[in-house]
Protein backbone atom coordinates (compact mmCIF):
# COMPACT_ATOMS: atom_id res chain seq x y z
CA MET A 1 91.56 -108.46 3.21
CA THR A 2 87.96 -109.30 4.01
CA ASP A 3 86.39 -108.91 7.44
CA GLN A 4 87.59 -111.36 10.08
CA ILE A 5 85.61 -111.04 13.36
CA VAL A 6 84.19 -113.06 16.20
CA ASP A 7 81.06 -111.97 18.07
CA SER A 8 82.34 -109.64 20.80
CA ALA A 9 79.64 -110.84 23.19
CA ALA A 10 81.24 -114.29 23.28
CA PRO A 11 84.51 -115.43 24.88
CA SER A 12 87.56 -114.69 22.77
CA SER A 13 88.71 -118.30 22.68
CA GLY A 14 87.40 -121.77 23.30
CA PRO A 15 88.73 -124.55 25.50
CA THR A 16 92.25 -125.66 24.73
CA THR A 17 92.04 -129.33 25.66
CA THR A 18 92.83 -131.93 23.04
CA SER A 19 90.20 -134.47 24.17
CA PRO A 20 88.23 -136.16 21.37
CA VAL A 21 85.20 -134.16 20.23
CA LYS A 22 82.23 -135.67 18.39
CA LEU A 23 81.57 -132.88 15.91
CA THR A 24 78.29 -134.31 14.62
CA SER A 25 76.83 -134.11 18.15
CA PHE A 26 76.77 -130.31 17.81
CA SER A 27 74.64 -130.21 14.65
CA HIS A 28 71.03 -131.09 13.89
CA GLY A 29 72.00 -132.18 10.35
CA GLY A 30 75.17 -132.80 8.43
CA GLY A 31 76.70 -131.94 5.06
CA CYS A 32 74.38 -131.15 2.18
CA GLY A 33 71.57 -132.87 4.09
CA CYS A 34 71.33 -129.51 5.89
CA LYS A 35 69.80 -127.91 2.81
CA ILE A 36 66.29 -126.53 3.12
CA ALA A 37 63.96 -129.10 1.57
CA PRO A 38 63.16 -128.40 -2.12
CA GLY A 39 59.42 -127.98 -1.52
CA VAL A 40 59.97 -125.53 1.34
CA LEU A 41 62.60 -123.64 -0.65
CA ALA A 42 60.22 -123.27 -3.59
CA GLU A 43 57.58 -121.86 -1.26
CA ILE A 44 60.05 -119.38 0.24
CA LEU A 45 61.24 -118.15 -3.16
CA LYS A 46 57.95 -118.06 -5.06
CA ASN A 47 57.16 -114.47 -4.08
CA SER A 48 60.67 -113.13 -4.56
CA THR A 49 60.58 -109.84 -6.41
CA GLY A 50 62.35 -109.40 -9.71
CA PHE A 51 65.29 -107.09 -10.18
CA ALA A 52 67.12 -105.44 -13.00
CA VAL A 53 69.64 -107.90 -14.47
CA PRO A 54 72.74 -106.44 -16.12
CA LYS A 55 73.51 -107.80 -19.57
CA GLU A 56 76.88 -109.02 -18.28
CA LEU A 57 75.18 -111.50 -15.91
CA MET A 58 75.29 -114.62 -18.06
CA VAL A 59 73.95 -117.04 -15.41
CA GLY A 60 71.77 -116.05 -12.47
CA ILE A 61 69.00 -117.67 -10.46
CA GLU A 62 66.63 -118.46 -13.33
CA THR A 63 67.32 -122.23 -13.57
CA ALA A 64 68.78 -122.92 -10.10
CA ASP A 65 72.21 -123.38 -11.65
CA ASP A 66 75.34 -124.17 -9.67
CA ALA A 67 76.88 -120.69 -9.68
CA ALA A 68 76.47 -117.16 -10.96
CA VAL A 69 78.52 -116.16 -14.00
CA TYR A 70 79.39 -112.55 -14.90
CA LYS A 71 81.05 -111.65 -18.20
CA LEU A 72 84.20 -109.58 -17.73
CA ASN A 73 85.31 -109.37 -21.36
CA ASP A 74 85.25 -111.41 -24.57
CA GLN A 75 87.75 -113.91 -23.14
CA GLN A 76 86.80 -114.16 -19.48
CA ALA A 77 83.71 -114.63 -17.32
CA LEU A 78 83.76 -114.66 -13.53
CA ILE A 79 82.12 -117.59 -11.69
CA ALA A 80 80.94 -116.92 -8.12
CA THR A 81 79.51 -119.47 -5.71
CA THR A 82 79.27 -120.27 -2.01
CA ASP A 83 78.52 -123.36 0.03
CA PHE A 84 78.72 -124.20 3.74
CA PHE A 85 77.18 -126.67 6.18
CA MET A 86 77.38 -128.43 9.54
CA PRO A 87 79.65 -131.47 10.17
CA ILE A 88 78.93 -134.69 8.31
CA VAL A 89 81.80 -136.51 10.08
CA ASP A 90 83.45 -136.19 13.49
CA ASP A 91 87.05 -135.84 12.36
CA PRO A 92 87.67 -132.07 12.07
CA TYR A 93 90.29 -132.34 9.33
CA ASP A 94 88.02 -134.55 7.21
CA PHE A 95 85.08 -132.19 7.80
CA GLY A 96 87.14 -129.27 6.49
CA ARG A 97 88.25 -131.25 3.45
CA ILE A 98 84.72 -132.34 2.58
CA ALA A 99 83.25 -128.85 2.95
CA ALA A 100 85.95 -127.29 0.77
CA THR A 101 85.66 -129.97 -1.94
CA ASN A 102 81.90 -129.46 -2.02
CA ALA A 103 82.16 -125.68 -2.37
CA ILE A 104 84.77 -125.76 -5.13
CA SER A 105 82.70 -128.29 -7.10
CA ASP A 106 80.24 -125.64 -8.28
CA VAL A 107 82.98 -123.89 -10.25
CA TYR A 108 83.92 -127.15 -11.98
CA ALA A 109 80.23 -127.81 -12.64
CA MET A 110 80.09 -124.59 -14.67
CA GLY A 111 83.12 -125.72 -16.72
CA GLY A 112 85.42 -123.26 -14.99
CA THR A 113 88.76 -123.04 -13.20
CA PRO A 114 88.77 -121.95 -9.53
CA ILE A 115 91.09 -119.05 -8.75
CA MET A 116 90.45 -118.02 -5.14
CA ALA A 117 88.39 -118.80 -2.04
CA LEU A 118 87.15 -117.03 1.08
CA ALA A 119 86.43 -119.03 4.24
CA LEU A 120 83.06 -118.95 6.01
CA VAL A 121 83.47 -120.05 9.62
CA GLY A 122 80.86 -120.28 12.39
CA MET A 123 81.93 -122.14 15.53
CA PRO A 124 80.69 -122.61 19.13
CA ILE A 125 83.95 -121.29 20.49
CA ASP A 126 82.99 -121.86 24.12
CA LYS A 127 82.53 -125.58 23.43
CA LEU A 128 85.03 -126.58 20.73
CA PRO A 129 88.76 -126.68 21.51
CA ILE A 130 90.64 -124.17 19.40
CA GLU A 131 92.82 -127.02 18.15
CA VAL A 132 89.73 -128.68 16.69
CA ILE A 133 88.68 -125.49 14.91
CA GLY A 134 92.21 -125.14 13.58
CA ARG A 135 92.09 -128.69 12.17
CA ILE A 136 88.84 -127.89 10.33
CA LEU A 137 90.50 -124.90 8.69
CA LYS A 138 93.61 -126.93 7.87
CA GLY A 139 91.46 -129.52 6.14
CA GLY A 140 89.88 -126.85 3.96
CA GLU A 141 93.28 -125.37 3.17
CA SER A 142 94.60 -128.76 2.06
CA ILE A 143 91.85 -129.14 -0.56
CA CYS A 144 92.31 -125.58 -1.78
CA ALA A 145 96.01 -126.33 -2.20
CA GLU A 146 95.08 -129.42 -4.23
CA ALA A 147 92.84 -127.24 -6.40
CA GLY A 148 95.69 -124.72 -6.77
CA ILE A 149 93.93 -121.79 -5.11
CA PRO A 150 94.55 -119.63 -2.03
CA ILE A 151 92.13 -118.92 0.79
CA ALA A 152 92.48 -115.16 0.60
CA GLY A 153 90.28 -114.15 3.52
CA GLY A 154 86.87 -114.85 4.97
CA HIS A 155 84.52 -114.19 7.85
CA THR A 156 84.10 -115.79 11.29
CA ILE A 157 81.26 -115.76 13.83
CA ASP A 158 80.46 -117.48 17.10
CA SER A 159 77.54 -119.82 16.41
CA VAL A 160 75.58 -122.54 18.21
CA GLU A 161 76.48 -125.20 15.62
CA PRO A 162 79.81 -125.67 13.80
CA ILE A 163 79.59 -124.32 10.26
CA TYR A 164 82.33 -124.28 7.65
CA GLY A 165 82.46 -123.60 3.93
CA LEU A 166 83.83 -121.35 1.23
CA VAL A 167 83.02 -118.60 -1.19
CA VAL A 168 84.77 -119.65 -4.39
CA LEU A 169 85.59 -117.56 -7.46
CA GLY A 170 86.57 -118.99 -10.81
CA LEU A 171 87.11 -118.09 -14.44
CA VAL A 172 85.70 -119.55 -17.65
CA HIS A 173 85.68 -118.53 -21.30
CA PRO A 174 82.20 -117.12 -22.05
CA SER A 175 81.74 -119.63 -24.87
CA LYS A 176 82.69 -122.61 -22.66
CA ILE A 177 80.16 -122.15 -19.85
CA LYS A 178 78.25 -125.36 -19.17
CA ARG A 179 74.82 -124.62 -17.71
CA ASN A 180 72.22 -127.00 -16.35
CA ALA A 181 69.80 -125.78 -19.04
CA GLY A 182 71.35 -127.04 -22.27
CA ALA A 183 70.32 -130.70 -22.42
CA LYS A 184 68.77 -132.00 -25.65
CA ALA A 185 66.29 -134.81 -26.31
CA GLY A 186 68.21 -138.02 -26.91
CA ASP A 187 71.16 -136.98 -24.74
CA LYS A 188 72.65 -139.65 -22.53
CA ILE A 189 72.94 -138.92 -18.81
CA ILE A 190 76.28 -139.73 -17.19
CA LEU A 191 76.98 -139.66 -13.44
CA GLY A 192 80.60 -139.13 -12.37
CA LYS A 193 80.54 -140.47 -8.78
CA PRO A 194 78.60 -143.23 -7.03
CA ILE A 195 75.74 -142.21 -4.71
CA GLY A 196 74.98 -143.16 -1.10
CA VAL A 197 76.82 -140.49 0.91
CA GLY A 198 73.75 -139.66 2.99
CA ILE A 199 73.18 -143.31 3.85
CA LEU A 200 76.81 -143.79 4.90
CA SER A 201 76.64 -140.64 7.02
CA ALA A 202 73.42 -141.85 8.68
CA ALA A 203 75.17 -145.13 9.54
CA LEU A 204 78.17 -143.21 10.85
CA LYS A 205 76.02 -141.21 13.26
CA LYS A 206 74.63 -144.50 14.62
CA ASP A 207 78.12 -146.06 14.95
CA ALA A 208 77.20 -148.62 12.28
CA LEU A 209 79.81 -147.70 9.66
CA ASP A 210 82.99 -149.74 9.59
CA ALA A 211 86.46 -148.49 8.67
CA GLN A 212 86.11 -149.56 5.05
CA GLY A 213 82.81 -147.70 4.73
CA TYR A 214 84.29 -144.58 6.31
CA ALA A 215 87.25 -144.69 3.92
CA ALA A 216 84.86 -144.92 0.96
CA LEU A 217 82.85 -141.99 2.31
CA ILE A 218 85.92 -139.79 2.68
CA GLU A 219 87.42 -140.77 -0.69
CA ASN A 220 84.17 -139.92 -2.49
CA THR A 221 83.50 -136.62 -0.74
CA THR A 222 87.05 -135.28 -1.01
CA LYS A 223 87.57 -136.06 -4.73
CA LEU A 224 87.59 -132.75 -6.60
CA ASN A 225 85.35 -132.66 -9.68
CA LYS A 226 88.21 -131.46 -11.88
CA PRO A 227 86.83 -133.19 -15.01
CA GLY A 228 84.29 -130.36 -15.24
CA LYS A 229 86.79 -128.01 -16.87
CA LEU A 230 87.78 -130.67 -19.41
CA LEU A 231 84.16 -131.58 -20.13
CA ALA A 232 83.53 -127.95 -21.03
CA GLU A 233 85.89 -128.38 -23.96
CA LEU A 234 83.65 -131.07 -25.54
CA ASP A 235 81.02 -129.67 -27.91
CA GLY A 236 78.87 -132.75 -27.40
CA VAL A 237 78.46 -131.99 -23.68
CA HIS A 238 75.25 -129.98 -23.60
CA ALA A 239 74.54 -129.60 -19.86
CA LEU A 240 76.45 -130.03 -16.63
CA THR A 241 75.61 -129.85 -12.93
CA ASP A 242 76.66 -131.62 -9.74
CA VAL A 243 74.63 -133.81 -7.42
CA THR A 244 74.40 -132.51 -3.85
CA GLY A 245 71.72 -132.07 -1.20
CA PHE A 246 68.61 -132.68 -3.32
CA GLY A 247 69.86 -136.12 -4.37
CA LEU A 248 70.28 -137.59 -7.83
CA LEU A 249 66.59 -137.18 -8.63
CA GLY A 250 66.39 -133.60 -7.41
CA HIS A 251 69.32 -132.35 -9.45
CA LEU A 252 68.27 -134.31 -12.53
CA LEU A 253 64.86 -132.67 -12.17
CA GLU A 254 66.54 -129.25 -12.26
CA LEU A 255 68.37 -130.25 -15.42
CA ALA A 256 65.17 -131.58 -17.06
CA ARG A 257 63.01 -128.61 -16.04
CA ALA A 258 65.60 -126.13 -17.28
CA ALA A 259 65.66 -127.78 -20.72
CA LYS A 260 61.86 -128.42 -20.77
CA LEU A 261 62.52 -132.13 -21.27
CA THR A 262 61.87 -135.41 -19.50
CA ALA A 263 64.46 -137.87 -18.28
CA THR A 264 64.51 -141.62 -17.69
CA LEU A 265 66.81 -143.20 -15.13
CA ASN A 266 67.87 -146.84 -15.28
CA MET A 267 67.99 -147.90 -11.64
CA GLN A 268 70.30 -150.86 -12.21
CA GLN A 269 72.96 -148.69 -13.89
CA ILE A 270 73.32 -146.13 -11.09
CA PRO A 271 76.65 -146.65 -9.29
CA LEU A 272 76.44 -147.04 -5.50
CA LEU A 273 79.08 -146.65 -2.82
CA PRO A 274 80.13 -149.94 -1.14
CA ASP A 275 77.57 -151.49 1.25
CA VAL A 276 75.05 -148.71 0.68
CA GLN A 277 72.30 -151.08 -0.46
CA ARG A 278 72.57 -153.17 2.71
CA LEU A 279 72.71 -150.19 5.03
CA ALA A 280 69.67 -148.62 3.37
CA GLU A 281 67.76 -151.89 3.76
CA GLN A 282 68.64 -151.80 7.47
CA GLY A 283 67.06 -148.36 7.79
CA TYR A 284 70.09 -146.05 7.77
CA ILE A 285 68.36 -143.31 5.80
CA THR A 286 68.53 -139.57 6.43
CA GLY A 287 65.53 -137.40 7.20
CA ALA A 288 66.59 -135.20 4.30
CA SER A 289 65.85 -138.06 1.89
CA GLY A 290 62.19 -138.08 2.91
CA ARG A 291 61.97 -134.30 2.75
CA ASN A 292 63.47 -134.39 -0.73
CA TRP A 293 60.91 -136.94 -1.92
CA ASP A 294 58.07 -134.93 -0.40
CA GLY A 295 59.29 -131.92 -2.37
CA TYR A 296 59.50 -133.47 -5.82
CA GLY A 297 58.06 -136.99 -5.73
CA HIS A 298 54.94 -135.85 -7.58
CA GLU A 299 57.14 -135.19 -10.62
CA VAL A 300 58.41 -138.76 -10.74
CA ALA A 301 56.59 -141.43 -12.75
CA LEU A 302 57.14 -144.64 -10.82
CA THR A 303 57.18 -147.89 -12.70
CA GLU A 304 55.84 -150.99 -10.98
CA GLY A 305 58.30 -152.68 -8.69
CA ILE A 306 60.21 -149.73 -7.24
CA THR A 307 60.97 -150.23 -3.56
CA ALA A 308 61.14 -147.84 -0.62
CA VAL A 309 64.90 -148.42 -0.51
CA GLN A 310 65.27 -147.46 -4.17
CA LYS A 311 63.26 -144.28 -3.55
CA ALA A 312 65.56 -143.49 -0.63
CA LEU A 313 68.66 -144.05 -2.78
CA LEU A 314 67.41 -141.74 -5.52
CA SER A 315 66.57 -138.94 -3.08
CA ASP A 316 69.60 -139.50 -0.81
CA PRO A 317 71.38 -136.17 -0.21
CA GLN A 318 74.90 -136.23 -1.64
CA THR A 319 77.58 -134.12 -0.03
CA SER A 320 80.27 -133.25 -2.57
CA GLY A 321 78.60 -135.57 -5.09
CA GLY A 322 79.48 -136.31 -8.67
CA LEU A 323 79.06 -134.36 -11.88
CA LEU A 324 75.88 -135.05 -13.83
CA VAL A 325 76.42 -134.76 -17.58
CA ALA A 326 73.93 -134.61 -20.47
CA CYS A 327 75.76 -135.32 -23.72
CA ALA A 328 75.13 -136.40 -27.29
CA PRO A 329 75.22 -140.19 -27.80
CA ASP A 330 78.33 -139.91 -30.00
CA THR A 331 80.17 -138.14 -27.15
CA VAL A 332 79.52 -140.78 -24.49
CA ASP A 333 82.78 -142.67 -25.09
CA ALA A 334 84.83 -139.47 -24.88
CA VAL A 335 83.12 -138.41 -21.64
CA LEU A 336 83.58 -141.80 -19.99
CA ALA A 337 87.21 -141.97 -21.14
CA LEU A 338 87.83 -138.52 -19.67
CA PHE A 339 86.35 -139.55 -16.32
CA GLN A 340 88.46 -142.70 -16.32
CA ARG A 341 91.67 -140.77 -17.03
CA GLU A 342 90.91 -138.42 -14.14
CA GLY A 343 90.39 -141.26 -11.67
CA PHE A 344 86.58 -141.47 -11.65
CA ALA A 345 86.32 -145.20 -12.27
CA ALA A 346 82.65 -145.47 -11.27
CA ALA A 347 81.37 -142.99 -13.89
CA ALA A 348 78.48 -144.53 -15.80
CA VAL A 349 75.60 -143.87 -18.19
CA VAL A 350 72.49 -143.82 -15.97
CA GLY A 351 69.71 -142.60 -18.25
CA GLU A 352 68.52 -140.54 -21.18
CA MET A 353 66.77 -137.23 -21.87
CA GLY A 354 63.51 -137.22 -23.83
CA GLU A 355 60.88 -134.91 -25.31
CA LYS A 356 58.19 -133.59 -22.97
CA ASP A 357 54.56 -133.09 -23.90
CA ASP A 358 53.21 -129.76 -22.63
CA ALA A 359 50.42 -131.60 -20.83
CA GLN A 360 52.77 -134.11 -19.22
CA ALA A 361 52.77 -133.88 -15.43
CA ASN A 362 55.72 -136.13 -14.66
CA VAL A 363 59.26 -135.13 -15.60
CA ILE A 364 61.29 -138.16 -14.50
CA GLY A 365 60.66 -141.82 -15.28
CA ILE A 366 62.44 -144.65 -13.50
CA ASN A 367 63.17 -148.00 -15.10
CA VAL A 368 63.70 -150.56 -12.35
CA MET A 369 64.25 -153.51 -14.69
CA PRO A 370 67.80 -154.83 -15.32
């Protein structure tokens, strides 16, 4: 069993009242919007020293992929990933479910099958009732049960802000790994879930999200990206990742950079969560969206007519977002049919990969015309 401790300098338990607690009031950011901005992260990592890489390490940090992959034998490779964040919603059970779904997604994004998780728990135990903390953990356990994996241990600390997430391990056949680096010119880009999670969460924090909007938020963020394993079986699927804190543009940029290609997005084909357009027009936009754009906006070729709202949608941080697929044109129907069978009705073709001239500064183009 892994280490399970709480800071000995803190009280051994929190308050035991069952009064409502607004979880988001404890955190300065929520969900994948908590990520360090891409420009800042690049600056932090630019001077990182190299290290000896064993030949068994099939996927590491070289293309900012979703998880590390280590070859065990000719039939099995181990996928390892971790993800955690502060509350994106106030309901503790929903927060736990969202955080667990988000963490497990990285295994599916590599084409793998999750096998086990470890919990990462940081809580202000002098402020949160122990019942609330227990509900967060129960939410995470419910999603792990849905994924068919145990939470086999973990680590706990007393922290100023509530933090919850998982370390997730998975398995994949070495020949079935789907990286973010395999896209080819001419590939179609397919998005598995609608975007707008950050905008809905911004409205929620301002008490401007109705019950229907909240239900859409929870349904989207707690839907496991199980199609990833099935997509790995399709030879025509060349690259796979998931869309999280850097927004649709940020993660598409990673895919394009890794393959040394460009990409064009068709704005009108990108699926949106219900009411997201209206809420964005009313100003319910996260600070993370602006930080994202500041980090990579110089790599985007804007066509005439793009609006500030459209820019915010494209850079909107997605918590537990959809799979992003680059596939051969003759595989599009099979990919969309697979998504439909698995309950991802909003999956859609949103763009195309293209050749990149060595002198070309911009990586992403956006077509705003219908």
